[in-house]
Amino acid sequence: MKKEFTFRGKTLEELKALNIKEFAALLNSRQKRSLTRGLTPQQAILLKNFRNDDKNIKTHCRDMIILPEMVSKIAGVHNGKEFVRINIIPEMLGHYLGEFVATRKKVTHHAPGIGATRSSASLSVK
């Protein structure tokens, strides 16, 4: 049996019925302050795109807080090089979009090059 999702004691349907100010009251202080100050113009455009059920939503707005009306939608969030598609699930509520898209790749090192160690400095390049 699947456990029903709740956020601060409210189901997803109850959260979708709340407006932004009422939802902000359920969040942590940083996110609450951000939402009560109002959305930036870029965030307002992004929210309008989510409300219009656009299929291909791409954004550079990594500081947008995930709201209940965004749940079960797919968004492309820019990581500095490309748009990474994320599926927004209920557990992401109250987090920023940028938290789910890493901006740095893992560095993998290989064998050292010529001159990297004392013993390889005396080797001929040929």
C-alpha atoms as a PDB file:
ATOM      1  CA  MET A   1       0.000   0.000   0.000  1.00  0.00           C
ATOM      2  CA  LYS A   2       1.413   3.360  -1.052  1.00  0.00           C
ATOM      3  CA  LYS A   3       1.712   5.999   1.656  1.00  0.00           C
ATOM      4  CA  GLU A   4      -0.138   9.241   0.880  1.00  0.00           C
ATOM      5  CA  PHE A   5       2.078  12.322   0.560  1.00  0.00           C
ATOM      6  CA  THR A   6       1.651  15.064   3.150  1.00  0.00           C
ATOM      7  CA  PHE A   7       3.532  18.332   3.581  1.00  0.00           C
ATOM      8  CA  ARG A   8       3.297  19.849   7.075  1.00  0.00           C
ATOM      9  CA  GLY A   9       0.117  17.849   7.656  1.00  0.00           C
ATOM     10  CA  LYS A  10      -1.617  18.837   4.402  1.00  0.00           C
ATOM     11  CA  THR A  11      -2.277  16.630   1.386  1.00  0.00           C
ATOM     12  CA  LEU A  12      -1.289  17.647  -2.127  1.00  0.00           C
ATOM     13  CA  GLU A  13      -4.892  18.540  -3.031  1.00  0.00           C
ATOM     14  CA  GLU A  14      -5.156  20.824   0.007  1.00  0.00           C
ATOM     15  CA  LEU A  15      -1.838  22.454  -0.895  1.00  0.00           C
ATOM     16  CA  LYS A  16      -2.970  23.099  -4.489  1.00  0.00           C
ATOM     17  CA  ALA A  17      -6.041  24.918  -3.115  1.00  0.00           C
ATOM     18  CA  LEU A  18      -3.828  27.390  -1.177  1.00  0.00           C
ATOM     19  CA  ASN A  19      -2.609  30.640  -2.683  1.00  0.00           C
ATOM     20  CA  ILE A  20       1.078  31.593  -2.629  1.00  0.00           C
ATOM     21  CA  LYS A  21       0.883  33.588   0.638  1.00  0.00           C
ATOM     22  CA  GLU A  22      -0.856  30.742   2.490  1.00  0.00           C
ATOM     23  CA  PHE A  23       1.647  28.207   1.152  1.00  0.00           C
ATOM     24  CA  ALA A  24       4.531  30.486   2.165  1.00  0.00           C
ATOM     25  CA  ALA A  25       3.343  30.281   5.786  1.00  0.00           C
ATOM     26  CA  LEU A  26       4.129  26.546   5.725  1.00  0.00           C
ATOM     27  CA  LEU A  27       7.724  26.977   4.501  1.00  0.00           C
ATOM     28  CA  ASN A  28      11.024  27.633   6.251  1.00  0.00           C
ATOM     29  CA  SER A  29      12.045  31.214   6.968  1.00  0.00           C
ATOM     30  CA  ARG A  30      14.234  31.820   3.887  1.00  0.00           C
ATOM     31  CA  GLN A  31      11.637  30.525   1.425  1.00  0.00           C
ATOM     32  CA  LYS A  32       8.819  32.232   3.333  1.00  0.00           C
ATOM     33  CA  ARG A  33      10.600  35.587   3.133  1.00  0.00           C
ATOM     34  CA  SER A  34      11.315  35.120  -0.562  1.00  0.00           C
ATOM     35  CA  LEU A  35       7.673  34.388  -1.415  1.00  0.00           C
ATOM     36  CA  THR A  36       6.150  37.087   0.799  1.00  0.00           C
ATOM     37  CA  ARG A  37       8.326  39.718  -0.898  1.00  0.00           C
ATOM     38  CA  GLY A  38       6.760  38.716  -4.204  1.00  0.00           C
ATOM     39  CA  LEU A  39       7.971  36.990  -7.332  1.00  0.00           C
ATOM     40  CA  THR A  40      10.538  38.525  -9.648  1.00  0.00           C
ATOM     41  CA  PRO A  41       9.408  39.175 -13.243  1.00  0.00           C
ATOM     42  CA  GLN A  42      11.274  36.070 -14.446  1.00  0.00           C
ATOM     43  CA  GLN A  43       9.644  33.927 -11.743  1.00  0.00           C
ATOM     44  CA  ALA A  44       6.200  35.304 -12.616  1.00  0.00           C
ATOM     45  CA  ILE A  45       6.695  34.372 -16.287  1.00  0.00           C
ATOM     46  CA  LEU A  46       7.839  30.884 -15.298  1.00  0.00           C
ATOM     47  CA  LEU A  47       4.812  30.404 -13.036  1.00  0.00           C
ATOM     48  CA  LYS A  48       2.526  31.571 -15.845  1.00  0.00           C
ATOM     49  CA  ASN A  49       4.090  28.960 -18.142  1.00  0.00           C
ATOM     50  CA  PHE A  50       3.436  26.245 -15.553  1.00  0.00           C
ATOM     51  CA  ARG A  51      -0.173  27.392 -15.205  1.00  0.00           C
ATOM     52  CA  ASN A  52      -0.672  27.348 -19.007  1.00  0.00           C
ATOM     53  CA  ASP A  53       0.465  23.693 -19.153  1.00  0.00           C
ATOM     54  CA  ASP A  54       3.252  24.433 -21.608  1.00  0.00           C
ATOM     55  CA  LYS A  55       4.945  21.214 -22.663  1.00  0.00           C
ATOM     56  CA  ASN A  56       8.476  22.523 -23.165  1.00  0.00           C
ATOM     57  CA  ILE A  57       9.291  24.735 -20.174  1.00  0.00           C
ATOM     58  CA  LYS A  58      12.908  25.902 -20.087  1.00  0.00           C
ATOM     59  CA  THR A  59      14.246  28.362 -17.568  1.00  0.00           C
ATOM     60  CA  HIS A  60      17.377  30.035 -16.264  1.00  0.00           C
ATOM     61  CA  CYS A  61      15.472  30.903 -13.077  1.00  0.00           C
ATOM     62  CA  ARG A  62      17.178  28.516 -10.642  1.00  0.00           C
ATOM     63  CA  ASP A  63      16.013  30.527  -7.609  1.00  0.00           C
ATOM     64  CA  MET A  64      12.326  29.721  -8.139  1.00  0.00           C
ATOM     65  CA  ILE A  65      10.754  27.922  -5.183  1.00  0.00           C
ATOM     66  CA  ILE A  66       8.813  24.819  -6.166  1.00  0.00           C
ATOM     67  CA  LEU A  67       5.102  25.427  -5.568  1.00  0.00           C
ATOM     68  CA  PRO A  68       2.264  22.866  -5.409  1.00  0.00           C
ATOM     69  CA  GLU A  69       0.954  23.807  -8.872  1.00  0.00           C
ATOM     70  CA  MET A  70       4.297  22.778 -10.407  1.00  0.00           C
ATOM     71  CA  VAL A  71       4.077  19.181  -9.151  1.00  0.00           C
ATOM     72  CA  SER A  72       3.955  16.420 -11.798  1.00  0.00           C
ATOM     73  CA  LYS A  73       5.314  18.705 -14.526  1.00  0.00           C
ATOM     74  CA  ILE A  74       8.639  18.592 -16.360  1.00  0.00           C
ATOM     75  CA  ALA A  75      10.939  21.603 -16.560  1.00  0.00           C
ATOM     76  CA  GLY A  76      14.297  22.222 -18.196  1.00  0.00           C
ATOM     77  CA  VAL A  77      16.579  24.043 -15.758  1.00  0.00           C
ATOM     78  CA  HIS A  78      19.805  25.592 -17.029  1.00  0.00           C
ATOM     79  CA  ASN A  79      23.010  24.373 -15.378  1.00  0.00           C
ATOM     80  CA  GLY A  80      25.293  26.911 -17.060  1.00  0.00           C
ATOM     81  CA  LYS A  81      25.855  24.879 -20.217  1.00  0.00           C
ATOM     82  CA  GLU A  82      22.618  23.097 -21.108  1.00  0.00           C
ATOM     83  CA  PHE A  83      19.045  22.600 -19.953  1.00  0.00           C
ATOM     84  CA  VAL A  84      18.636  19.582 -17.686  1.00  0.00           C
ATOM     85  CA  ARG A  85      15.102  18.180 -17.603  1.00  0.00           C
ATOM     86  CA  ILE A  86      13.709  17.417 -14.165  1.00  0.00           C
ATOM     87  CA  ASN A  87      10.414  15.813 -13.241  1.00  0.00           C
ATOM     88  CA  ILE A  88       8.940  17.744 -10.310  1.00  0.00           C
ATOM     89  CA  ILE A  89       7.625  15.429  -7.599  1.00  0.00           C
ATOM     90  CA  PRO A  90       5.781  16.326  -4.348  1.00  0.00           C
ATOM     91  CA  GLU A  91       8.877  15.744  -2.195  1.00  0.00           C
ATOM     92  CA  MET A  92      10.515  18.757  -3.912  1.00  0.00           C
ATOM     93  CA  LEU A  93       7.987  21.258  -2.514  1.00  0.00           C
ATOM     94  CA  GLY A  94       9.602  24.266  -0.857  1.00  0.00           C
ATOM     95  CA  HIS A  95      13.019  23.661  -2.450  1.00  0.00           C
ATOM     96  CA  TYR A  96      14.660  25.735  -5.164  1.00  0.00           C
ATOM     97  CA  LEU A  97      14.776  24.486  -8.771  1.00  0.00           C
ATOM     98  CA  GLY A  98      18.548  24.919  -8.817  1.00  0.00           C
ATOM     99  CA  GLU A  99      19.036  22.400  -6.013  1.00  0.00           C
ATOM    100  CA  PHE A 100      18.176  19.544  -8.341  1.00  0.00           C
ATOM    101  CA  VAL A 101      20.491  20.487 -11.214  1.00  0.00           C
ATOM    102  CA  ALA A 102      24.221  20.365 -10.491  1.00  0.00           C
ATOM    103  CA  THR A 103      26.354  23.073 -12.090  1.00  0.00           C
ATOM    104  CA  ARG A 104      29.623  21.184 -11.784  1.00  0.00           C
ATOM    105  CA  LYS A 105      30.617  17.792 -13.118  1.00  0.00           C
ATOM    106  CA  LYS A 106      32.610  15.216 -11.221  1.00  0.00           C
ATOM    107  CA  VAL A 107      36.322  15.444 -12.031  1.00  0.00           C
ATOM    108  CA  THR A 108      37.979  12.199 -13.058  1.00  0.00           C
ATOM    109  CA  HIS A 109      41.763  12.125 -13.152  1.00  0.00           C
ATOM    110  CA  HIS A 110      43.794   9.824 -15.353  1.00  0.00           C
ATOM    111  CA  ALA A 111      47.479   8.936 -15.429  1.00  0.00           C
ATOM    112  CA  PRO A 112      49.887  11.834 -14.911  1.00  0.00           C
ATOM    113  CA  GLY A 113      51.417  13.457 -17.982  1.00  0.00           C
ATOM    114  CA  ILE A 114      55.049  13.922 -18.904  1.00  0.00           C
ATOM    115  CA  GLY A 115      56.811  16.205 -16.459  1.00  0.00           C
ATOM    116  CA  ALA A 116      54.200  15.700 -13.745  1.00  0.00           C
ATOM    117  CA  THR A 117      56.584  13.698 -11.570  1.00  0.00           C
ATOM    118  CA  ARG A 118      60.372  13.786 -11.147  1.00  0.00           C
ATOM    119  CA  SER A 119      60.873  10.432 -12.800  1.00  0.00           C
ATOM    120  CA  SER A 120      58.842  11.328 -15.880  1.00  0.00           C
ATOM    121  CA  ALA A 121      60.701  14.616 -16.393  1.00  0.00           C
ATOM    122  CA  SER A 122      63.791  12.825 -17.727  1.00  0.00           C
ATOM    123  CA  LEU A 123      61.884  10.703 -20.254  1.00  0.00           C
ATOM    124  CA  SER A 124      62.153  11.589 -23.903  1.00  0.00           C
ATOM    125  CA  VAL A 125      58.987  12.814 -25.560  1.00  0.00           C
ATOM    126  CA  LYS A 126      59.563  10.697 -28.679  1.00  0.00           C
END
